[in-house]
Amino acid sequence: MQRLTRAELLSLARRQPETLVEMFLALQERLACNSTNSHQPPATDGLAKPAPKSLREKTGRRPGGQPGHRGTTLPLVENPDQVEQHRWHRCPCGQCHGVSLAGQRVLAYERRQVLDLPPLRLLTTEHQAEIKQCPVSGLLVTASFPATVTAPVQYGPHFRSLTLYLFHQQLLPFDRLRQTCQDLFGQPLSRGTLTQTSARAYQALAPVEAVIVRGLSQAVVVNVDESGLRVAARLHWLHVASTADLTFYGVHGRRGTVAMDALGVLPHCHHWLVHDHWKPYYKCYQAIVRQGRQDHPRRQPGQGRTKQGQAANLLDRLEDFDLQVLAFLIDPNVPFTNNQGEQDIRMIKVKQKISGGFRTLTGARAFARIRSYLSTGRKQGRNLYEACYQLAIGQPFMPNVPAAGP
């Protein structure tokens, strides 16, 4: 909005009072925006942050478990890892003066179990390859190491899978991950090791990503969204295409069609795409749009690029994309909102708040592909730590792809 001087405002009020009223209403609307009614993040609310309001209706019942509610507790493990038996030496009943029980038969045991972690430490396995001399040629020959043992000292797959899980799923920034490894195992993690582990995971997940893309291209409905991402101090975009079973993330420097074509997902989707044109409206759809046009007419040809208000922009969208807006009435497979896409894109905001952007585009793309694998695994009921271990040994699971839509 153009900033006017006091004299200009007074002159405008005399010549075009209706314009001044529109400016006042626009400013009033802007000042009323907060994190609950606009795209503004909660951090911008400051001291004026609205109080949280519960949507639950009061029932009059006391908090906590209700009568008849079956509580839950830790179940006994059928085959414990170790057993400690506590024995009687003398009877404590008080009527036998402490007679010895050493020769009495054990009738039964009362069982209690403690679930705990073993001492956290790295287990070192040394591989020794025999060196022998050929009795005929006199040459020295050395036995082969396992194919996975390639360096004098290296981390094993369990440790590498833990770093993948903490960095890519729990979103620990590198410095905190390094501290965690130091505190738990007495072993600081180098950035090079984490980068190399992520790079190997990225390469191993190429066939998995291909399966995800194929599954999305066959889906009846695909939710899509995008969000800004800082990569190498420049603005890039994280694109997501997802269903209830599959997630694809891709990073590109552009936001629109060029990025969609380059990432290779949307050009192959031939069914419904759900995106941000969708809003929760409508009853007597066309009548409501016509009524709105009385107060907010469409910009006519020849008026140039005069800025419209938000209401006029919304009406343009509702008129021009009426089929897309009302698609959920035509096809029951189409959801009413884009919640799926928005939920899948939300994690990148959490990532940026915790550890900022990415130093390189290579690192951003590795993160996107690994998160595609983990998000898909979560949707398909996989244990994500086990999924990280499979990835660390180069054998990632292949997602289940639903049957192709009509």
Protein backbone atom coordinates (compact mmCIF):
# COMPACT_ATOMS: atom_id res chain seq x y z
CA MET A 1 0.00 0.00 0.00
CA GLN A 2 1.39 3.41 -1.00
CA ARG A 3 2.41 5.61 1.93
CA LEU A 4 0.75 9.07 1.81
CA THR A 5 1.61 12.31 3.59
CA ARG A 6 -0.88 14.06 5.87
CA ALA A 7 -1.65 16.67 3.20
CA GLU A 8 -2.23 13.96 0.58
CA LEU A 9 -4.56 12.10 2.93
CA LEU A 10 -6.62 15.26 3.56
CA SER A 11 -6.81 15.99 -0.15
CA LEU A 12 -7.85 12.40 -0.87
CA ALA A 13 -10.54 12.57 1.84
CA ARG A 14 -12.08 15.63 0.16
CA ARG A 15 -11.94 14.27 -3.39
CA GLN A 16 -12.53 10.52 -2.91
CA PRO A 17 -13.84 9.73 0.58
CA GLU A 18 -14.84 6.21 -0.49
CA THR A 19 -11.20 5.42 -1.39
CA LEU A 20 -10.05 6.59 2.03
CA VAL A 21 -12.65 4.35 3.67
CA GLU A 22 -11.39 1.37 1.63
CA MET A 23 -7.81 2.09 2.74
CA PHE A 24 -8.91 2.30 6.36
CA LEU A 25 -10.78 -1.01 6.16
CA ALA A 26 -7.78 -2.69 4.50
CA LEU A 27 -5.46 -1.46 7.25
CA GLN A 28 -7.93 -2.57 9.91
CA GLU A 29 -8.10 -6.01 8.34
CA ARG A 30 -4.31 -6.25 8.22
CA LEU A 31 -3.94 -5.26 11.87
CA ALA A 32 -6.46 -7.93 12.87
CA CYS A 33 -4.36 -10.71 11.32
CA ASN A 34 -2.70 -13.22 13.64
CA SER A 35 -1.54 -16.82 13.49
CA THR A 36 -5.09 -18.14 13.84
CA ASN A 37 -6.67 -16.34 10.89
CA SER A 38 -3.79 -15.87 8.43
CA HIS A 39 -0.53 -17.40 7.24
CA GLN A 40 1.46 -15.50 9.90
CA PRO A 41 3.54 -17.75 12.21
CA PRO A 42 2.73 -17.82 15.95
CA ALA A 43 6.01 -16.04 16.75
CA THR A 44 4.62 -12.81 15.25
CA ASP A 45 1.71 -12.66 17.71
CA GLY A 46 3.89 -11.32 20.52
CA LEU A 47 2.04 -10.24 23.65
CA ALA A 48 -1.18 -10.04 21.67
CA LYS A 49 -1.19 -13.78 21.09
CA PRO A 50 -4.78 -15.02 21.32
CA ALA A 51 -5.56 -17.33 24.20
CA PRO A 52 -5.97 -20.98 23.18
CA LYS A 53 -9.56 -22.08 22.97
CA SER A 54 -10.56 -25.69 23.38
CA LEU A 55 -13.07 -27.06 20.90
CA ARG A 56 -14.19 -29.76 23.34
CA GLU A 57 -17.62 -29.46 24.83
CA LYS A 58 -17.92 -29.74 28.61
CA THR A 59 -19.43 -33.03 29.76
CA GLY A 60 -19.53 -32.48 33.52
CA ARG A 61 -17.39 -35.55 34.13
CA ARG A 62 -14.25 -35.48 36.26
CA PRO A 63 -10.89 -35.60 34.47
CA GLY A 64 -9.02 -38.88 34.21
CA GLY A 65 -10.17 -42.44 33.59
CA GLN A 66 -13.92 -42.95 33.79
CA PRO A 67 -15.68 -45.82 35.59
CA GLY A 68 -15.46 -48.97 33.50
CA HIS A 69 -12.38 -47.77 31.60
CA ARG A 70 -9.80 -50.53 31.22
CA GLY A 71 -6.36 -49.19 32.04
CA THR A 72 -3.16 -50.33 30.38
CA THR A 73 0.16 -51.36 31.87
CA LEU A 74 3.43 -52.88 30.69
CA PRO A 75 2.90 -56.56 29.81
CA LEU A 76 5.25 -59.25 31.08
CA VAL A 77 7.81 -60.43 28.53
CA GLU A 78 7.45 -64.11 27.78
CA ASN A 79 11.17 -64.83 27.41
CA PRO A 80 13.27 -62.36 29.46
CA ASP A 81 16.91 -61.83 28.55
CA GLN A 82 18.11 -62.66 32.05
CA VAL A 83 16.58 -63.92 35.29
CA GLU A 84 17.54 -63.13 38.89
CA GLN A 85 16.08 -65.45 41.56
CA HIS A 86 15.60 -64.17 45.09
CA ARG A 87 15.76 -67.06 47.61
CA TRP A 88 14.54 -67.64 51.13
CA HIS A 89 16.98 -68.83 53.81
CA ARG A 90 14.77 -68.65 56.88
CA CYS A 91 11.00 -68.43 57.29
CA PRO A 92 9.62 -64.97 58.19
CA CYS A 93 6.11 -66.12 59.18
CA GLY A 94 6.69 -65.41 62.89
CA GLN A 95 5.35 -68.75 64.17
CA CYS A 96 8.37 -70.98 63.60
CA HIS A 97 11.19 -68.96 65.15
CA GLY A 98 12.92 -68.55 61.76
CA VAL A 99 13.22 -72.18 60.73
CA SER A 100 15.51 -72.86 57.76
CA LEU A 101 13.84 -73.12 54.33
CA ALA A 102 16.95 -74.32 52.50
CA GLY A 103 15.63 -77.84 52.00
CA GLN A 104 12.07 -76.90 51.07
CA ARG A 105 10.77 -77.35 47.51
CA VAL A 106 9.99 -74.19 45.50
CA LEU A 107 6.24 -74.18 44.90
CA ALA A 108 6.04 -71.24 42.49
CA TYR A 109 7.51 -67.85 41.67
CA GLU A 110 5.98 -64.40 41.80
CA ARG A 111 7.28 -62.55 38.76
CA ARG A 112 8.21 -58.90 38.34
CA GLN A 113 10.17 -57.52 35.41
CA VAL A 114 12.31 -54.42 34.86
CA LEU A 115 12.68 -53.16 31.31
CA ASP A 116 15.88 -51.19 30.85
CA LEU A 117 18.58 -50.38 28.35
CA PRO A 118 21.91 -52.20 28.37
CA PRO A 119 24.97 -50.00 29.00
CA LEU A 120 25.34 -47.69 25.99
CA ARG A 121 28.70 -48.20 24.34
CA LEU A 122 30.08 -48.93 20.92
CA LEU A 123 30.98 -52.59 20.40
CA THR A 124 34.26 -52.90 18.54
CA THR A 125 34.73 -55.87 16.25
CA GLU A 126 38.25 -56.36 14.89
CA HIS A 127 38.59 -58.15 11.57
CA GLN A 128 41.91 -59.97 11.10
CA ALA A 129 42.81 -61.19 7.65
CA GLU A 130 45.41 -63.96 7.64
CA ILE A 131 48.65 -63.35 5.79
CA LYS A 132 50.46 -66.48 4.63
CA GLN A 133 53.31 -67.36 2.33
CA CYS A 134 52.83 -69.61 -0.65
CA PRO A 135 55.17 -72.65 -0.22
CA VAL A 136 55.68 -72.80 -4.01
CA SER A 137 56.07 -69.21 -5.18
CA GLY A 138 57.11 -67.67 -1.90
CA LEU A 139 54.62 -64.83 -2.37
CA LEU A 140 52.61 -63.43 0.55
CA VAL A 141 48.84 -63.77 0.23
CA THR A 142 46.20 -62.03 2.38
CA ALA A 143 42.69 -63.27 3.11
CA SER A 144 39.77 -61.10 2.02
CA PHE A 145 37.87 -58.80 4.36
CA PRO A 146 34.04 -58.69 4.22
CA ALA A 147 32.78 -56.46 1.42
CA THR A 148 31.34 -53.98 3.95
CA VAL A 149 34.67 -53.55 5.78
CA THR A 150 36.52 -51.04 3.62
CA ALA A 151 38.54 -48.82 5.99
CA PRO A 152 41.03 -49.33 8.83
CA VAL A 153 38.42 -47.95 11.26
CA GLN A 154 34.76 -47.31 10.42
CA TYR A 155 31.28 -47.17 11.92
CA GLY A 156 28.99 -50.17 11.61
CA PRO A 157 25.43 -50.23 10.23
CA HIS A 158 23.68 -49.97 13.61
CA PHE A 159 25.49 -46.74 14.49
CA ARG A 160 24.98 -45.30 11.00
CA SER A 161 21.28 -46.18 11.07
CA LEU A 162 20.94 -44.35 14.39
CA THR A 163 22.48 -41.19 12.91
CA LEU A 164 20.12 -41.43 9.91
CA TYR A 165 17.14 -41.82 12.23
CA LEU A 166 18.07 -38.92 14.53
CA PHE A 167 19.06 -36.53 11.74
CA HIS A 168 16.41 -37.22 9.10
CA GLN A 169 13.44 -38.39 11.16
CA GLN A 170 13.87 -36.65 14.55
CA LEU A 171 15.41 -33.60 12.81
CA LEU A 172 18.34 -33.13 15.21
CA PRO A 173 20.72 -30.48 13.83
CA PHE A 174 24.28 -31.67 13.31
CA ASP A 175 25.79 -30.00 16.40
CA ARG A 176 23.19 -31.56 18.70
CA LEU A 177 23.62 -34.94 16.99
CA ARG A 178 27.36 -34.69 17.54
CA GLN A 179 26.79 -33.93 21.24
CA THR A 180 24.35 -36.83 21.51
CA CYS A 181 26.89 -39.29 20.12
CA GLN A 182 29.55 -37.92 22.46
CA ASP A 183 27.29 -38.15 25.53
CA LEU A 184 25.89 -41.61 24.80
CA PHE A 185 28.87 -43.38 23.27
CA GLY A 186 31.90 -41.23 24.03
CA GLN A 187 32.41 -40.86 20.29
CA PRO A 188 31.96 -37.51 18.50
CA LEU A 189 30.44 -37.71 15.04
CA SER A 190 32.13 -35.81 12.23
CA ARG A 191 30.19 -33.88 9.62
CA GLY A 192 31.98 -35.81 6.89
CA THR A 193 30.75 -39.14 8.29
CA LEU A 194 27.15 -37.91 8.40
CA THR A 195 27.40 -36.46 4.89
CA GLN A 196 28.86 -39.72 3.54
CA THR A 197 26.14 -41.78 5.27
CA SER A 198 23.40 -39.58 3.82
CA ALA A 199 24.98 -39.69 0.35
CA ARG A 200 25.05 -43.51 0.41
CA ALA A 201 21.44 -43.57 1.56
CA TYR A 202 20.49 -41.20 -1.26
CA GLN A 203 22.01 -43.53 -3.85
CA ALA A 204 20.43 -46.64 -2.32
CA LEU A 205 16.98 -45.01 -2.38
CA ALA A 206 16.90 -44.32 -6.14
CA PRO A 207 14.81 -47.46 -6.89
CA VAL A 208 12.55 -46.75 -3.91
CA GLU A 209 11.86 -43.23 -5.20
CA ALA A 210 11.01 -44.69 -8.61
CA VAL A 211 8.41 -46.97 -6.99
CA ILE A 212 6.91 -44.03 -5.07
CA VAL A 213 6.67 -41.92 -8.24
CA ARG A 214 5.02 -44.79 -10.11
CA GLY A 215 2.53 -45.27 -7.29
CA LEU A 216 1.64 -41.58 -7.27
CA SER A 217 1.14 -41.54 -11.04
CA GLN A 218 -1.42 -44.35 -10.63
CA ALA A 219 -3.26 -42.82 -7.67
CA VAL A 220 -6.81 -41.56 -8.09
CA VAL A 221 -6.10 -38.48 -5.93
CA VAL A 222 -2.71 -36.84 -5.23
CA ASN A 223 -2.25 -33.97 -2.76
CA VAL A 224 0.42 -31.42 -3.71
CA ASP A 225 1.95 -28.44 -1.96
CA GLU A 226 5.19 -26.46 -1.85
CA SER A 227 7.13 -24.34 0.65
CA GLY A 228 10.15 -22.08 0.58
CA LEU A 229 13.50 -23.62 1.55
CA ARG A 230 16.86 -21.93 2.15
CA VAL A 231 19.64 -23.73 0.29
CA ALA A 232 23.15 -22.25 0.06
CA ALA A 233 21.74 -18.88 1.25
CA ARG A 234 19.25 -18.77 -1.66
CA LEU A 235 15.53 -19.39 -1.87
CA HIS A 236 14.57 -22.81 -3.22
CA TRP A 237 11.31 -24.74 -3.01
CA LEU A 238 10.44 -28.05 -1.40
CA HIS A 239 7.67 -29.71 -3.42
CA VAL A 240 5.54 -32.52 -2.05
CA ALA A 241 3.18 -34.94 -3.79
CA SER A 242 1.49 -37.44 -1.51
CA THR A 243 -1.34 -39.78 -0.72
CA ALA A 244 -2.33 -41.57 2.48
CA ASP A 245 0.26 -44.29 1.60
CA LEU A 246 3.05 -42.53 -0.32
CA THR A 247 5.13 -39.36 -0.01
CA PHE A 248 7.49 -37.74 -2.52
CA TYR A 249 9.65 -34.72 -1.69
CA GLY A 250 11.73 -32.85 -4.24
CA VAL A 251 13.88 -29.71 -4.07
CA HIS A 252 14.08 -27.23 -6.95
CA GLY A 253 15.08 -23.62 -7.50
CA ARG A 254 11.71 -22.81 -9.09
CA ARG A 255 8.18 -22.97 -7.77
CA GLY A 256 5.99 -23.49 -10.82
CA THR A 257 5.66 -25.71 -13.89
CA VAL A 258 9.39 -25.89 -14.59
CA ALA A 259 10.00 -27.48 -11.19
CA MET A 260 7.04 -29.85 -11.53
CA ASP A 261 8.29 -31.07 -14.90
CA ALA A 262 11.87 -31.42 -13.68
CA LEU A 263 10.92 -33.46 -10.60
CA GLY A 264 9.02 -35.86 -12.83
CA VAL A 265 5.92 -36.56 -10.75
CA LEU A 266 3.03 -34.29 -11.68
CA PRO A 267 3.36 -34.65 -15.48
CA HIS A 268 2.53 -38.35 -15.04
CA CYS A 269 -0.48 -37.83 -12.74
CA HIS A 270 -3.63 -38.04 -14.85
CA HIS A 271 -6.31 -38.02 -12.15
CA TRP A 272 -7.22 -35.53 -9.41
CA LEU A 273 -4.61 -33.16 -8.01
CA VAL A 274 -5.60 -31.43 -4.75
CA HIS A 275 -3.84 -28.13 -4.07
CA ASP A 276 -4.35 -24.74 -2.44
CA HIS A 277 -7.25 -23.60 -4.63
CA TRP A 278 -9.44 -25.53 -2.23
CA LYS A 279 -11.37 -23.73 0.53
CA PRO A 280 -14.17 -24.93 2.82
CA TYR A 281 -17.21 -23.21 1.32
CA TYR A 282 -20.36 -23.63 -0.46
CA LYS A 283 -24.07 -23.69 -0.51
CA CYS A 284 -25.93 -22.37 -3.58
CA TYR A 285 -22.51 -21.89 -5.11
CA GLN A 286 -23.22 -19.74 -8.17
CA ALA A 287 -25.74 -17.59 -6.30
CA ILE A 288 -23.17 -16.75 -3.63
CA VAL A 289 -20.56 -15.86 -6.26
CA ARG A 290 -23.00 -13.58 -8.09
CA GLN A 291 -23.93 -11.86 -4.86
CA GLY A 292 -20.27 -11.27 -4.08
CA ARG A 293 -19.72 -9.76 -7.52
CA GLN A 294 -22.15 -6.95 -6.71
CA ASP A 295 -19.71 -5.58 -4.15
CA HIS A 296 -16.47 -6.75 -5.80
CA PRO A 297 -16.72 -6.59 -9.62
CA ARG A 298 -14.10 -8.30 -11.75
CA ARG A 299 -11.35 -6.12 -13.19
CA GLN A 300 -12.27 -5.38 -16.80
CA PRO A 301 -10.02 -5.42 -19.88
CA GLY A 302 -8.23 -2.10 -20.30
CA GLN A 303 -7.95 -1.43 -16.58
CA GLY A 304 -4.34 -2.58 -16.56
CA ARG A 305 -2.91 -4.36 -13.55
CA THR A 306 -4.78 -2.38 -10.94
CA LYS A 307 -4.53 -4.24 -7.66
CA GLN A 308 -7.73 -5.97 -6.55
CA GLY A 309 -8.81 -6.69 -3.01
CA GLN A 310 -8.64 -10.16 -1.47
CA ALA A 311 -12.38 -10.65 -1.87
CA ALA A 312 -12.24 -9.92 -5.61
CA ASN A 313 -9.28 -12.28 -6.05
CA LEU A 314 -11.18 -15.02 -4.25
CA LEU A 315 -14.24 -14.50 -6.42
CA ASP A 316 -12.07 -14.70 -9.56
CA ARG A 317 -10.79 -18.07 -8.38
CA LEU A 318 -14.24 -19.37 -7.48
CA GLU A 319 -15.58 -18.41 -10.91
CA ASP A 320 -12.63 -19.57 -13.00
CA PHE A 321 -12.05 -22.86 -11.17
CA ASP A 322 -15.57 -23.84 -10.19
CA LEU A 323 -15.12 -27.45 -11.39
CA GLN A 324 -11.95 -27.89 -9.37
CA VAL A 325 -13.42 -26.26 -6.27
CA LEU A 326 -16.49 -28.50 -6.35
CA ALA A 327 -14.71 -31.69 -7.47
CA PHE A 328 -15.39 -33.33 -4.11
CA LEU A 329 -19.10 -33.27 -5.01
CA ILE A 330 -18.41 -35.05 -8.31
CA ASP A 331 -15.95 -37.74 -7.20
CA PRO A 332 -16.16 -39.20 -3.67
CA ASN A 333 -12.44 -40.04 -3.84
CA VAL A 334 -11.53 -36.34 -3.81
CA PRO A 335 -11.10 -34.94 -0.27
CA PHE A 336 -12.72 -31.70 0.84
CA THR A 337 -9.39 -30.14 1.90
CA ASN A 338 -5.69 -30.34 1.10
CA ASN A 339 -4.81 -31.41 4.65
CA GLN A 340 -2.75 -34.38 3.44
CA GLY A 341 -0.39 -32.20 1.42
CA GLU A 342 -0.19 -29.50 4.10
CA GLN A 343 0.63 -32.05 6.80
CA ASP A 344 3.35 -33.62 4.67
CA ILE A 345 4.94 -30.23 3.88
CA ARG A 346 4.86 -29.09 7.51
CA MET A 347 7.94 -31.05 8.53
CA ILE A 348 10.22 -28.78 6.48
CA LYS A 349 9.08 -25.82 8.58
CA VAL A 350 10.01 -27.76 11.72
CA LYS A 351 13.37 -28.61 10.16
CA GLN A 352 14.11 -24.98 9.33
CA LYS A 353 13.10 -23.74 12.78
CA ILE A 354 15.40 -26.26 14.46
CA SER A 355 18.49 -26.07 12.26
CA GLY A 356 17.91 -23.51 9.52
CA GLY A 357 18.48 -24.22 5.84
CA PHE A 358 20.91 -26.41 3.92
CA ARG A 359 24.49 -25.59 2.99
CA THR A 360 24.35 -27.37 -0.37
CA LEU A 361 21.74 -28.42 -2.91
CA THR A 362 23.15 -31.96 -2.77
CA GLY A 363 22.44 -32.15 0.95
CA ALA A 364 18.93 -30.77 0.49
CA ARG A 365 18.12 -33.33 -2.19
CA ALA A 366 19.48 -36.17 -0.04
CA PHE A 367 17.32 -35.00 2.86
CA ALA A 368 14.23 -34.83 0.61
CA ARG A 369 14.70 -38.35 -0.77
CA ILE A 370 15.41 -39.89 2.64
CA ARG A 371 12.36 -38.12 4.12
CA SER A 372 10.26 -39.48 1.23
CA TYR A 373 11.35 -42.98 2.29
CA LEU A 374 10.71 -42.38 5.99
CA SER A 375 7.36 -40.64 5.52
CA THR A 376 6.17 -43.43 3.24
CA GLY A 377 7.39 -45.99 5.78
CA ARG A 378 5.46 -44.30 8.58
CA LYS A 379 2.28 -44.26 6.49
CA GLN A 380 2.71 -47.96 5.73
CA GLY A 381 3.20 -48.96 9.36
CA ARG A 382 6.97 -49.52 9.28
CA ASN A 383 9.27 -49.22 12.27
CA LEU A 384 11.41 -46.30 11.15
CA TYR A 385 14.52 -47.25 13.08
CA GLU A 386 14.43 -50.68 11.43
CA ALA A 387 13.83 -48.93 8.11
CA CYS A 388 16.98 -46.85 8.73
CA TYR A 389 18.97 -50.01 9.50
CA GLN A 390 17.80 -51.60 6.27
CA LEU A 391 18.87 -48.43 4.49
CA ALA A 392 22.27 -48.40 6.22
CA ILE A 393 23.03 -51.93 4.97
CA GLY A 394 21.89 -51.00 1.46
CA GLN A 395 18.65 -52.99 1.50
CA PRO A 396 15.82 -50.44 1.95
CA PHE A 397 12.27 -51.76 1.96
CA MET A 398 10.16 -51.34 -1.15
CA PRO A 399 6.86 -49.52 -0.54
CA ASN A 400 3.55 -51.17 -1.22
CA VAL A 401 1.89 -49.42 -4.15
CA PRO A 402 -1.92 -49.46 -4.28
CA ALA A 403 -3.61 -50.75 -7.41
CA ALA A 404 -3.94 -48.26 -10.26
CA GLY A 405 -7.05 -46.09 -10.32
CA PRO A 406 -9.67 -46.21 -13.09
